[in-house]
C-alpha cells in the first residue's frame, strides 16, 4: 500500500504549476519603452518578468543599431570569381 503523502505532494505541485502557468499565459506583457536609461544592463536586469525583459532587450538592440552606425551590420564583400 502506497503512502498518501507523496501522492498528495504531487497533486499540490501539479496544481501550483497549473495556476502559475495559467496566470502567466493569461496576462499580456507590458515592457517599458526602450530609451537610453532603460537600455542600461542594470535597468534591463531589474525587469522581473522574463518575457518583458526579452522584449525590452530586443527593443534596445534595435535602438542601438538604428542610432549608431558603428553597431549596424556590415555588408558582405562582393563575391570574387574563381581563377582559371
Protein backbone atom coordinates (compact mmCIF):
# COMPACT_ATOMS: atom_id res chain seq x y z
CA UNK A 1 0.00 0.00 0.00
CA UNK A 2 1.37 3.39 -1.01
CA UNK A 3 1.54 6.22 1.44
CA UNK A 4 -0.86 9.08 0.60
CA UNK A 5 1.74 11.76 1.45
CA UNK A 6 3.81 11.56 -1.80
CA UNK A 7 0.64 11.46 -3.88
CA UNK A 8 -0.72 14.50 -2.02
CA UNK A 9 2.57 16.39 -2.56
CA UNK A 10 2.49 15.56 -6.28
CA UNK A 11 -1.11 16.75 -6.61
CA UNK A 12 -0.31 20.02 -4.81
CA UNK A 13 2.78 20.57 -7.01
CA UNK A 14 0.81 19.96 -10.22
CA UNK A 15 -1.96 22.30 -9.06
CA UNK A 16 0.55 25.04 -8.20
CA UNK A 17 2.26 24.71 -11.60
CA UNK A 18 -1.09 24.82 -13.37
CA UNK A 19 -2.11 28.01 -11.53
CA UNK A 20 1.23 29.70 -12.24
CA UNK A 21 1.13 28.66 -15.89
CA UNK A 22 -2.41 29.94 -16.34
CA UNK A 23 -1.58 33.29 -14.72
CA UNK A 24 1.50 33.77 -16.92
CA UNK A 25 -0.25 32.76 -20.13
CA UNK A 26 -3.34 34.87 -19.43
CA UNK A 27 -1.55 38.20 -18.98
CA UNK A 28 -0.21 40.46 -21.71
CA UNK A 29 3.43 41.53 -21.33
CA UNK A 30 3.92 45.28 -20.88
CA UNK A 31 7.63 46.04 -21.22
CA UNK A 32 8.91 49.55 -20.55
CA UNK A 33 9.66 51.78 -23.53
CA UNK A 34 13.24 51.44 -24.77
CA UNK A 35 15.29 54.55 -24.03
CA UNK A 36 18.88 55.31 -23.14
CA UNK A 37 18.11 54.96 -19.42
CA UNK A 38 16.04 51.77 -19.71
CA UNK A 39 18.60 50.10 -22.01
CA UNK A 40 21.38 50.05 -19.44
CA UNK A 41 22.27 46.47 -18.45
CA UNK A 42 21.34 47.17 -14.82
CA UNK A 43 17.95 48.56 -15.87
CA UNK A 44 17.23 45.50 -18.03
CA UNK A 45 18.12 43.21 -15.13
CA UNK A 46 15.60 44.97 -12.89
CA UNK A 47 12.66 43.86 -15.08
CA UNK A 48 11.19 40.86 -13.25
CA UNK A 49 9.17 39.13 -15.98
CA UNK A 50 11.36 37.13 -18.39
CA UNK A 51 9.14 37.84 -21.41
CA UNK A 52 9.14 41.59 -20.75
CA UNK A 53 12.91 41.52 -20.19
CA UNK A 54 13.43 39.77 -23.55
CA UNK A 55 11.17 42.25 -25.36
CA UNK A 56 12.99 45.20 -23.79
CA UNK A 57 16.36 43.72 -24.69
CA UNK A 58 15.28 43.27 -28.32
CA UNK A 59 13.93 46.83 -28.46
CA UNK A 60 17.21 48.16 -27.04
CA UNK A 61 19.14 46.18 -29.64
CA UNK A 62 17.05 47.70 -32.44
CA UNK A 63 17.51 51.15 -30.93
CA UNK A 64 21.29 50.66 -30.77
CA UNK A 65 21.55 49.55 -34.40
CA UNK A 66 19.42 52.48 -35.59
CA UNK A 67 21.23 55.17 -33.64
CA UNK A 68 24.86 54.13 -34.04
CA UNK A 69 26.25 53.28 -37.46
CA UNK A 70 29.19 51.51 -35.82
CA UNK A 71 26.78 48.88 -34.49
CA UNK A 72 25.00 48.39 -37.83
CA UNK A 73 25.54 45.10 -39.66
CA UNK A 74 28.36 45.16 -42.18
CA UNK A 75 27.57 44.28 -45.79
CA UNK A 76 29.29 41.18 -47.16
CA UNK A 77 32.20 41.83 -49.53
CA UNK A 78 31.50 41.24 -53.23
CA UNK A 79 31.99 37.72 -54.45
CA UNK A 80 35.21 37.07 -56.36
CA UNK A 81 35.15 34.80 -59.39
CA UNK A 82 37.48 31.78 -59.10
CA UNK A 83 40.70 31.95 -61.05
CA UNK A 84 41.02 29.65 -64.06
